Amino acid sequence: MTKSELIDAVAQRTKITKSRAEQVVNCVFNSMTAALENGEGIEIRGFGSFTVRHYKSYHGRNPRTGKPVPVPEKRLPFFKVGKELKELVNGGVSEPGE
């Protein structure tokens, strides 16, 4: 599903205009982005959670030349799927050990 398809779905389900649905979707995404930028986590029960993971700097390797390349430390968003969504995607089949 693309962002425009999500906007169409929101407009149809809520019976609002596409421009208003686009504002709603953008507001949700902007709020989530701002929270992650501030290092906050986002938890949506039944769906999953977004967190920011910190990675230390390290020395990588240029695959073409083989020379070492310094890679700076970074923060990347990470999504962990929720149990309910995982079960829905798997058709209600639980994984071994659960």
PDB file of N, CA and C in Angstrom:
ATOM      1  N   MET A   1       0.850  -1.171   0.000  1.00  0.00           N
ATOM      2  CA  MET A   1       0.000   0.000   0.000  1.00  0.00           C
ATOM      3  C   MET A   1       0.894   1.232   0.000  1.00  0.00           C
ATOM      4  N   THR A   2       0.586   2.156  -0.876  1.00  0.00           N
ATOM      5  CA  THR A   2       1.330   3.409  -0.939  1.00  0.00           C
ATOM      6  C   THR A   2       0.642   4.463  -0.083  1.00  0.00           C
ATOM      7  N   LYS A   3       1.319   5.581   0.103  1.00  0.00           N
ATOM      8  CA  LYS A   3       0.741   6.657   0.899  1.00  0.00           C
ATOM      9  C   LYS A   3      -0.550   7.164   0.265  1.00  0.00           C
ATOM     10  N   SER A   4      -0.577   7.296  -1.048  1.00  0.00           N
ATOM     11  CA  SER A   4      -1.793   7.777  -1.727  1.00  0.00           C
ATOM     12  C   SER A   4      -2.937   6.772  -1.583  1.00  0.00           C
ATOM     13  N   GLU A   5      -2.613   5.479  -1.592  1.00  0.00           N
ATOM     14  CA  GLU A   5      -3.651   4.463  -1.375  1.00  0.00           C
ATOM     15  C   GLU A   5      -4.177   4.530   0.051  1.00  0.00           C
ATOM     16  N   LEU A   6      -3.299   4.807   1.004  1.00  0.00           N
ATOM     17  CA  LEU A   6      -3.713   4.968   2.397  1.00  0.00           C
ATOM     18  C   LEU A   6      -4.641   6.179   2.538  1.00  0.00           C
ATOM     19  N   ILE A   7      -4.300   7.264   1.875  1.00  0.00           N
ATOM     20  CA  ILE A   7      -5.141   8.463   1.908  1.00  0.00           C
ATOM     21  C   ILE A   7      -6.513   8.159   1.324  1.00  0.00           C
ATOM     22  N   ASP A   8      -6.558   7.446   0.208  1.00  0.00           N
ATOM     23  CA  ASP A   8      -7.841   7.059  -0.399  1.00  0.00           C
ATOM     24  C   ASP A   8      -8.661   6.200   0.561  1.00  0.00           C
ATOM     25  N   ALA A   9      -8.014   5.243   1.225  1.00  0.00           N
ATOM     26  CA  ALA A   9      -8.719   4.360   2.157  1.00  0.00           C
ATOM     27  C   ALA A   9      -9.281   5.144   3.338  1.00  0.00           C
ATOM     28  N   VAL A  10      -8.504   6.080   3.876  1.00  0.00           N
ATOM     29  CA  VAL A  10      -8.973   6.902   4.991  1.00  0.00           C
ATOM     30  C   VAL A  10     -10.155   7.754   4.550  1.00  0.00           C
ATOM     31  N   ALA A  11     -10.065   8.332   3.359  1.00  0.00           N
ATOM     32  CA  ALA A  11     -11.156   9.171   2.842  1.00  0.00           C
ATOM     33  C   ALA A  11     -12.444   8.359   2.676  1.00  0.00           C
ATOM     34  N   GLN A  12     -12.328   7.153   2.144  1.00  0.00           N
ATOM     35  CA  GLN A  12     -13.508   6.320   1.927  1.00  0.00           C
ATOM     36  C   GLN A  12     -14.118   5.848   3.238  1.00  0.00           C
ATOM     37  N   ARG A  13     -13.293   5.384   4.160  1.00  0.00           N
ATOM     38  CA  ARG A  13     -13.811   4.831   5.417  1.00  0.00           C
ATOM     39  C   ARG A  13     -14.404   5.891   6.330  1.00  0.00           C
ATOM     40  N   THR A  14     -13.849   7.085   6.306  1.00  0.00           N
ATOM     41  CA  THR A  14     -14.332   8.136   7.198  1.00  0.00           C
ATOM     42  C   THR A  14     -15.287   9.099   6.509  1.00  0.00           C
ATOM     43  N   LYS A  15     -15.454   8.915   5.203  1.00  0.00           N
ATOM     44  CA  LYS A  15     -16.337   9.767   4.396  1.00  0.00           C
ATOM     45  C   LYS A  15     -15.953  11.247   4.510  1.00  0.00           C
ATOM     46  N   ILE A  16     -14.626  11.497   4.416  1.00  0.00           N
ATOM     47  CA  ILE A  16     -14.134  12.867   4.350  1.00  0.00           C
ATOM     48  C   ILE A  16     -13.460  13.058   3.000  1.00  0.00           C
ATOM     49  N   THR A  17     -13.151  14.297   2.660  1.00  0.00           N
ATOM     50  CA  THR A  17     -12.530  14.567   1.364  1.00  0.00           C
ATOM     51  C   THR A  17     -11.102  14.033   1.354  1.00  0.00           C
ATOM     52  N   LYS A  18     -10.590  13.816   0.138  1.00  0.00           N
ATOM     53  CA  LYS A  18      -9.219  13.310   0.014  1.00  0.00           C
ATOM     54  C   LYS A  18      -8.211  14.313   0.563  1.00  0.00           C
ATOM     55  N   SER A  19      -8.469  15.606   0.366  1.00  0.00           N
ATOM     56  CA  SER A  19      -7.526  16.604   0.870  1.00  0.00           C
ATOM     57  C   SER A  19      -7.496  16.599   2.399  1.00  0.00           C
ATOM     58  N   ARG A  20      -8.657  16.414   3.021  1.00  0.00           N
ATOM     59  CA  ARG A  20      -8.717  16.344   4.489  1.00  0.00           C
ATOM     60  C   ARG A  20      -8.049  15.044   4.981  1.00  0.00           C
ATOM     61  N   ALA A  21      -8.282  13.944   4.259  1.00  0.00           N
ATOM     62  CA  ALA A  21      -7.653  12.672   4.613  1.00  0.00           C
ATOM     63  C   ALA A  21      -6.136  12.774   4.484  1.00  0.00           C
ATOM     64  N   GLU A  22      -5.661  13.497   3.471  1.00  0.00           N
ATOM     65  CA  GLU A  22      -4.224  13.687   3.294  1.00  0.00           C
ATOM     66  C   GLU A  22      -3.647  14.468   4.476  1.00  0.00           C
ATOM     67  N   GLN A  23      -4.377  15.468   4.961  1.00  0.00           N
ATOM     68  CA  GLN A  23      -3.928  16.233   6.125  1.00  0.00           C
ATOM     69  C   GLN A  23      -3.836  15.330   7.358  1.00  0.00           C
ATOM     70  N   VAL A  24      -4.813  14.456   7.523  1.00  0.00           N
ATOM     71  CA  VAL A  24      -4.826  13.544   8.668  1.00  0.00           C
ATOM     72  C   VAL A  24      -3.629  12.595   8.597  1.00  0.00           C
ATOM     73  N   VAL A  25      -3.415  11.981   7.448  1.00  0.00           N
ATOM     74  CA  VAL A  25      -2.309  11.034   7.278  1.00  0.00           C
ATOM     75  C   VAL A  25      -0.972  11.744   7.481  1.00  0.00           C
ATOM     76  N   ASN A  26      -0.815  12.920   6.893  1.00  0.00           N
ATOM     77  CA  ASN A  26       0.432  13.675   7.060  1.00  0.00           C
ATOM     78  C   ASN A  26       0.651  14.062   8.517  1.00  0.00           C
ATOM     79  N   CYS A  27      -0.409  14.425   9.217  1.00  0.00           N
ATOM     80  CA  CYS A  27      -0.306  14.788  10.626  1.00  0.00           C
ATOM     81  C   CYS A  27       0.179  13.595  11.455  1.00  0.00           C
ATOM     82  N   VAL A  28      -0.369  12.426  11.197  1.00  0.00           N
ATOM     83  CA  VAL A  28       0.047  11.216  11.918  1.00  0.00           C
ATOM     84  C   VAL A  28       1.520  10.914  11.626  1.00  0.00           C
ATOM     85  N   PHE A  29       1.901  10.929  10.353  1.00  0.00           N
ATOM     86  CA  PHE A  29       3.292  10.631   9.989  1.00  0.00           C
ATOM     87  C   PHE A  29       4.251  11.671  10.560  1.00  0.00           C
ATOM     88  N   ASN A  30       3.876  12.945  10.506  1.00  0.00           N
ATOM     89  CA  ASN A  30       4.734  14.002  11.038  1.00  0.00           C
ATOM     90  C   ASN A  30       4.907  13.861  12.545  1.00  0.00           C
ATOM     91  N   SER A  31       3.835  13.487  13.246  1.00  0.00           N
ATOM     92  CA  SER A  31       3.920  13.290  14.692  1.00  0.00           C
ATOM     93  C   SER A  31       4.823  12.113  15.031  1.00  0.00           C
ATOM     94  N   MET A  32       4.729  11.046  14.267  1.00  0.00           N
ATOM     95  CA  MET A  32       5.571   9.878  14.493  1.00  0.00           C
ATOM     96  C   MET A  32       7.036  10.215  14.204  1.00  0.00           C
ATOM     97  N   THR A  33       7.275  10.940  13.118  1.00  0.00           N
ATOM     98  CA  THR A  33       8.636  11.328  12.759  1.00  0.00           C
ATOM     99  C   THR A  33       9.251  12.211  13.832  1.00  0.00           C
ATOM    100  N   ALA A  34       8.474  13.173  14.332  1.00  0.00           N
ATOM    101  CA  ALA A  34       8.976  14.074  15.372  1.00  0.00           C
ATOM    102  C   ALA A  34       9.316  13.305  16.646  1.00  0.00           C
ATOM    103  N   ALA A  35       8.487  12.342  17.011  1.00  0.00           N
ATOM    104  CA  ALA A  35       8.754  11.547  18.209  1.00  0.00           C
ATOM    105  C   ALA A  35      10.059  10.765  18.046  1.00  0.00           C
ATOM    106  N   LEU A  36      10.259  10.153  16.884  1.00  0.00           N
ATOM    107  CA  LEU A  36      11.482   9.382  16.655  1.00  0.00           C
ATOM    108  C   LEU A  36      12.703  10.290  16.608  1.00  0.00           C
ATOM    109  N   GLU A  37      12.558  11.492  16.023  1.00  0.00           N
ATOM    110  CA  GLU A  37      13.670  12.447  15.991  1.00  0.00           C
ATOM    111  C   GLU A  37      14.104  12.822  17.398  1.00  0.00           C
ATOM    112  N   ASN A  38      13.137  12.887  18.327  1.00  0.00           N
ATOM    113  CA  ASN A  38      13.426  13.236  19.714  1.00  0.00           C
ATOM    114  C   ASN A  38      13.879  12.028  20.543  1.00  0.00           C
ATOM    115  N   GLY A  39      14.027  10.876  19.901  1.00  0.00           N
ATOM    116  CA  GLY A  39      14.479   9.685  20.588  1.00  0.00           C
ATOM    117  C   GLY A  39      13.385   8.961  21.357  1.00  0.00           C
ATOM    118  N   GLU A  40      12.134   9.362  21.161  1.00  0.00           N
ATOM    119  CA  GLU A  40      11.012   8.725  21.841  1.00  0.00           C
ATOM    120  C   GLU A  40      10.573   7.490  21.065  1.00  0.00           C
ATOM    121  N   GLY A  41       9.987   6.550  21.768  1.00  0.00           N
ATOM    122  CA  GLY A  41       9.439   5.367  21.131  1.00  0.00           C
ATOM    123  C   GLY A  41       7.964   5.575  20.825  1.00  0.00           C
ATOM    124  N   ILE A  42       7.447   4.772  19.919  1.00  0.00           N
ATOM    125  CA  ILE A  42       6.033   4.817  19.555  1.00  0.00           C
ATOM    126  C   ILE A  42       5.493   3.404  19.708  1.00  0.00           C
ATOM    127  N   GLU A  43       4.413   3.256  20.467  1.00  0.00           N
ATOM    128  CA  GLU A  43       3.807   1.940  20.645  1.00  0.00           C
ATOM    129  C   GLU A  43       2.359   2.002  20.205  1.00  0.00           C
ATOM    130  N   ILE A  44       2.005   1.167  19.242  1.00  0.00           N
ATOM    131  CA  ILE A  44       0.629   1.061  18.762  1.00  0.00           C
ATOM    132  C   ILE A  44       0.179  -0.357  19.080  1.00  0.00           C
ATOM    133  N   ARG A  45      -0.623  -0.494  20.125  1.00  0.00           N
ATOM    134  CA  ARG A  45      -1.042  -1.823  20.607  1.00  0.00           C
ATOM    135  C   ARG A  45      -1.665  -2.637  19.483  1.00  0.00           C
ATOM    136  N   GLY A  46      -1.257  -3.879  19.383  1.00  0.00           N
ATOM    137  CA  GLY A  46      -1.784  -4.781  18.376  1.00  0.00           C
ATOM    138  C   GLY A  46      -1.124  -4.634  17.021  1.00  0.00           C
ATOM    139  N   PHE A  47      -0.356  -3.559  16.825  1.00  0.00           N
ATOM    140  CA  PHE A  47       0.298  -3.321  15.535  1.00  0.00           C
ATOM    141  C   PHE A  47       1.796  -3.513  15.665  1.00  0.00           C
ATOM    142  N   GLY A  48       2.411  -2.751  16.579  1.00  0.00           N
ATOM    143  CA  GLY A  48       3.846  -2.867  16.770  1.00  0.00           C
ATOM    144  C   GLY A  48       4.409  -1.631  17.422  1.00  0.00           C
ATOM    145  N   SER A  49       5.724  -1.584  17.506  1.00  0.00           N
ATOM    146  CA  SER A  49       6.368  -0.432  18.129  1.00  0.00           C
ATOM    147  C   SER A  49       7.560   0.018  17.295  1.00  0.00           C
ATOM    148  N   PHE A  50       7.772   1.323  17.325  1.00  0.00           N
ATOM    149  CA  PHE A  50       8.903   1.942  16.653  1.00  0.00           C
ATOM    150  C   PHE A  50       9.843   2.470  17.724  1.00  0.00           C
ATOM    151  N   THR A  51      11.118   2.185  17.567  1.00  0.00           N
ATOM    152  CA  THR A  51      12.126   2.717  18.470  1.00  0.00           C
ATOM    153  C   THR A  51      13.289   3.223  17.637  1.00  0.00           C
ATOM    154  N   VAL A  52      14.191   3.947  18.302  1.00  0.00           N
ATOM    155  CA  VAL A  52      15.411   4.414  17.648  1.00  0.00           C
ATOM    156  C   VAL A  52      16.562   3.616  18.213  1.00  0.00           C
ATOM    157  N   ARG A  53      17.318   2.987  17.343  1.00  0.00           N
ATOM    158  CA  ARG A  53      18.483   2.212  17.773  1.00  0.00           C
ATOM    159  C   ARG A  53      19.746   3.013  17.473  1.00  0.00           C
ATOM    160  N   HIS A  54      20.647   2.993  18.433  1.00  0.00           N
ATOM    161  CA  HIS A  54      21.917   3.704  18.296  1.00  0.00           C
ATOM    162  C   HIS A  54      22.997   2.716  17.873  1.00  0.00           C
ATOM    163  N   TYR A  55      23.757   3.087  16.855  1.00  0.00           N
ATOM    164  CA  TYR A  55      24.845   2.249  16.375  1.00  0.00           C
ATOM    165  C   TYR A  55      26.158   3.006  16.530  1.00  0.00           C
ATOM    166  N   LYS A  56      27.159   2.359  17.112  1.00  0.00           N
ATOM    167  CA  LYS A  56      28.465   2.973  17.298  1.00  0.00           C
ATOM    168  C   LYS A  56      29.192   3.067  15.957  1.00  0.00           C
ATOM    169  N   SER A  57      30.189   3.928  15.914  1.00  0.00           N
ATOM    170  CA  SER A  57      30.992   4.033  14.700  1.00  0.00           C
ATOM    171  C   SER A  57      31.860   2.775  14.568  1.00  0.00           C
ATOM    172  N   TYR A  58      32.225   2.463  13.353  1.00  0.00           N
ATOM    173  CA  TYR A  58      33.052   1.288  13.101  1.00  0.00           C
ATOM    174  C   TYR A  58      33.786   1.482  11.788  1.00  0.00           C
ATOM    175  N   HIS A  59      34.696   0.587  11.502  1.00  0.00           N
ATOM    176  CA  HIS A  59      35.428   0.629  10.238  1.00  0.00           C
ATOM    177  C   HIS A  59      34.831  -0.417   9.301  1.00  0.00           C
ATOM    178  N   GLY A  60      34.248   0.067   8.214  1.00  0.00           N
ATOM    179  CA  GLY A  60      33.694  -0.819   7.199  1.00  0.00           C
ATOM    180  C   GLY A  60      34.714  -1.039   6.098  1.00  0.00           C
ATOM    181  N   ARG A  61      34.250  -1.585   4.991  1.00  0.00           N
ATOM    182  CA  ARG A  61      35.152  -1.868   3.875  1.00  0.00           C
ATOM    183  C   ARG A  61      34.462  -1.488   2.582  1.00  0.00           C
ATOM    184  N   ASN A  62      35.156  -0.768   1.744  1.00  0.00           N
ATOM    185  CA  ASN A  62      34.640  -0.438   0.418  1.00  0.00           C
ATOM    186  C   ASN A  62      34.656  -1.719  -0.407  1.00  0.00           C
ATOM    187  N   PRO A  63      33.482  -2.200  -0.866  1.00  0.00           N
ATOM    188  CA  PRO A  63      33.450  -3.488  -1.577  1.00  0.00           C
ATOM    189  C   PRO A  63      34.202  -3.467  -2.909  1.00  0.00           C
ATOM    190  N   ARG A  64      34.349  -2.297  -3.519  1.00  0.00           N
ATOM    191  CA  ARG A  64      35.056  -2.221  -4.801  1.00  0.00           C
ATOM    192  C   ARG A  64      36.562  -2.282  -4.637  1.00  0.00           C
ATOM    193  N   THR A  65      37.049  -1.455  -3.694  1.00  0.00           N
ATOM    194  CA  THR A  65      38.500  -1.351  -3.545  1.00  0.00           C
ATOM    195  C   THR A  65      39.047  -2.211  -2.419  1.00  0.00           C
ATOM    196  N   GLY A  66      38.188  -2.562  -1.459  1.00  0.00           N
ATOM    197  CA  GLY A  66      38.641  -3.347  -0.318  1.00  0.00           C
ATOM    198  C   GLY A  66      39.288  -2.500   0.761  1.00  0.00           C
ATOM    199  N   LYS A  67      39.371  -1.183   0.535  1.00  0.00           N
ATOM    200  CA  LYS A  67      40.001  -0.303   1.521  1.00  0.00           C
ATOM    201  C   LYS A  67      39.063  -0.056   2.698  1.00  0.00           C
ATOM    202  N   PRO A  68      39.630   0.088   3.897  1.00  0.00           N
ATOM    203  CA  PRO A  68      38.793   0.385   5.072  1.00  0.00           C
ATOM    204  C   PRO A  68      38.191   1.784   4.968  1.00  0.00           C
ATOM    205  N   VAL A  69      36.956   1.902   5.419  1.00  0.00           N
ATOM    206  CA  VAL A  69      36.242   3.175   5.384  1.00  0.00           C
ATOM    207  C   VAL A  69      35.625   3.400   6.760  1.00  0.00           C
ATOM    208  N   PRO A  70      35.865   4.587   7.357  1.00  0.00           N
ATOM    209  CA  PRO A  70      35.231   4.843   8.651  1.00  0.00           C
ATOM    210  C   PRO A  70      33.728   5.106   8.474  1.00  0.00           C
ATOM    211  N   VAL A  71      32.921   4.443   9.294  1.00  0.00           N
ATOM    212  CA  VAL A  71      31.470   4.638   9.263  1.00  0.00           C
ATOM    213  C   VAL A  71      31.099   5.342  10.566  1.00  0.00           C
ATOM    214  N   PRO A  72      30.510   6.550  10.475  1.00  0.00           N
ATOM    215  CA  PRO A  72      30.191   7.292  11.700  1.00  0.00           C
ATOM    216  C   PRO A  72      29.054   6.640  12.482  1.00  0.00           C
ATOM    217  N   GLU A  73      28.955   7.002  13.768  1.00  0.00           N
ATOM    218  CA  GLU A  73      27.845   6.476  14.561  1.00  0.00           C
ATOM    219  C   GLU A  73      26.542   7.029  13.989  1.00  0.00           C
ATOM    220  N   LYS A  74      25.469   6.303  14.206  1.00  0.00           N
ATOM    221  CA  LYS A  74      24.187   6.720  13.639  1.00  0.00           C
ATOM    222  C   LYS A  74      23.043   6.214  14.489  1.00  0.00           C
ATOM    223  N   ARG A  75      21.894   6.812  14.269  1.00  0.00           N
ATOM    224  CA  ARG A  75      20.646   6.393  14.906  1.00  0.00           C
ATOM    225  C   ARG A  75      19.693   6.015  13.775  1.00  0.00           C
ATOM    226  N   LEU A  76      19.090   4.848  13.881  1.00  0.00           N
ATOM    227  CA  LEU A  76      18.170   4.379  12.843  1.00  0.00           C
ATOM    228  C   LEU A  76      16.855   3.932  13.471  1.00  0.00           C
ATOM    229  N   PRO A  77      15.733   4.202  12.785  1.00  0.00           N
ATOM    230  CA  PRO A  77      14.455   3.717  13.295  1.00  0.00           C
ATOM    231  C   PRO A  77      14.371   2.206  13.143  1.00  0.00           C
ATOM    232  N   PHE A  78      13.686   1.579  14.107  1.00  0.00           N
ATOM    233  CA  PHE A  78      13.520   0.128  14.107  1.00  0.00           C
ATOM    234  C   PHE A  78      12.062  -0.180  14.431  1.00  0.00           C
ATOM    235  N   PHE A  79      11.464  -1.096  13.676  1.00  0.00           N
ATOM    236  CA  PHE A  79      10.075  -1.499  13.903  1.00  0.00           C
ATOM    237  C   PHE A  79      10.038  -2.925  14.401  1.00  0.00           C
ATOM    238  N   LYS A  80       9.302  -3.142  15.490  1.00  0.00           N
ATOM    239  CA  LYS A  80       9.083  -4.490  16.003  1.00  0.00           C
ATOM    240  C   LYS A  80       7.593  -4.775  15.885  1.00  0.00           C
ATOM    241  N   VAL A  81       7.250  -5.811  15.147  1.00  0.00           N
ATOM    242  CA  VAL A  81       5.848  -6.144  14.890  1.00  0.00           C
ATOM    243  C   VAL A  81       5.178  -6.634  16.177  1.00  0.00           C
ATOM    244  N   GLY A  82       3.905  -6.267  16.346  1.00  0.00           N
ATOM    245  CA  GLY A  82       3.132  -6.715  17.498  1.00  0.00           C
ATOM    246  C   GLY A  82       2.598  -8.121  17.302  1.00  0.00           C
ATOM    247  N   LYS A  83       2.255  -8.770  18.400  1.00  0.00           N
ATOM    248  CA  LYS A  83       1.804 -10.153  18.361  1.00  0.00           C
ATOM    249  C   LYS A  83       0.530 -10.308  17.525  1.00  0.00           C
ATOM    250  N   GLU A  84      -0.440  -9.408  17.702  1.00  0.00           N
ATOM    251  CA  GLU A  84      -1.705  -9.524  16.967  1.00  0.00           C
ATOM    252  C   GLU A  84      -1.500  -9.389  15.467  1.00  0.00           C
ATOM    253  N   LEU A  85      -0.670  -8.422  15.036  1.00  0.00           N
ATOM    254  CA  LEU A  85      -0.404  -8.244  13.611  1.00  0.00           C
ATOM    255  C   LEU A  85       0.330  -9.453  13.050  1.00  0.00           C
ATOM    256  N   LYS A  86       1.289  -9.964  13.804  1.00  0.00           N
ATOM    257  CA  LYS A  86       2.036 -11.143  13.369  1.00  0.00           C
ATOM    258  C   LYS A  86       1.088 -12.322  13.143  1.00  0.00           C
ATOM    259  N   GLU A  87       0.134 -12.502  14.074  1.00  0.00           N
ATOM    260  CA  GLU A  87      -0.815 -13.606  13.939  1.00  0.00           C
ATOM    261  C   GLU A  87      -1.746 -13.395  12.754  1.00  0.00           C
ATOM    262  N   LEU A  88      -2.182 -12.159  12.518  1.00  0.00           N
ATOM    263  CA  LEU A  88      -3.046 -11.880  11.371  1.00  0.00           C
ATOM    264  C   LEU A  88      -2.330 -12.173  10.055  1.00  0.00           C
ATOM    265  N   VAL A  89      -1.071 -11.747   9.965  1.00  0.00           N
ATOM    266  CA  VAL A  89      -0.304 -11.962   8.741  1.00  0.00           C
ATOM    267  C   VAL A  89      -0.059 -13.445   8.503  1.00  0.00           C
ATOM    268  N   ASN A  90       0.146 -14.191   9.589  1.00  0.00           N
ATOM    269  CA  ASN A  90       0.397 -15.622   9.476  1.00  0.00           C
ATOM    270  C   ASN A  90      -0.885 -16.452   9.441  1.00  0.00           C
ATOM    271  N   GLY A  91      -2.024 -15.808   9.383  1.00  0.00           N
ATOM    272  CA  GLY A  91      -3.292 -16.529   9.303  1.00  0.00           C
ATOM    273  C   GLY A  91      -3.654 -17.244  10.581  1.00  0.00           C
ATOM    274  N   GLY A  92      -3.229 -16.700  11.721  1.00  0.00           N
ATOM    275  CA  GLY A  92      -3.577 -17.301  13.007  1.00  0.00           C
ATOM    276  C   GLY A  92      -2.660 -18.421  13.423  1.00  0.00           C
ATOM    277  N   VAL A  93      -1.626 -18.714  12.625  1.00  0.00           N
ATOM    278  CA  VAL A  93      -0.688 -19.778  12.965  1.00  0.00           C
ATOM    279  C   VAL A  93       0.420 -19.184  13.820  1.00  0.00           C
ATOM    280  N   SER A  94       0.590 -19.715  15.019  1.00  0.00           N
ATOM    281  CA  SER A  94       1.670 -19.208  15.879  1.00  0.00           C
ATOM    282  C   SER A  94       2.975 -19.885  15.541  1.00  0.00           C
ATOM    283  N   GLU A  95       4.056 -19.191  15.841  1.00  0.00           N
ATOM    284  CA  GLU A  95       5.392 -19.734  15.546  1.00  0.00           C
ATOM    285  C   GLU A  95       5.771 -20.722  16.630  1.00  0.00           C
ATOM    286  N   PRO A  96       6.661 -21.666  16.320  1.00  0.00           N
ATOM    287  CA  PRO A  96       7.105 -22.643  17.319  1.00  0.00           C
ATOM    288  C   PRO A  96       7.723 -21.942  18.519  1.00  0.00           C
ATOM    289  N   GLY A  97       7.422 -22.439  19.700  1.00  0.00           N
ATOM    290  CA  GLY A  97       7.982 -21.871  20.907  1.00  0.00           C
ATOM    291  C   GLY A  97       7.135 -20.768  21.524  1.00  0.00           C
ATOM    292  N   GLU A  98       6.015 -20.406  20.897  1.00  0.00           N
ATOM    293  CA  GLU A  98       5.146 -19.364  21.456  1.00  0.00           C
ATOM    294  C   GLU A  98       3.947 -19.950  22.113  1.00  0.00           C
TER     295      GLU A  98
END
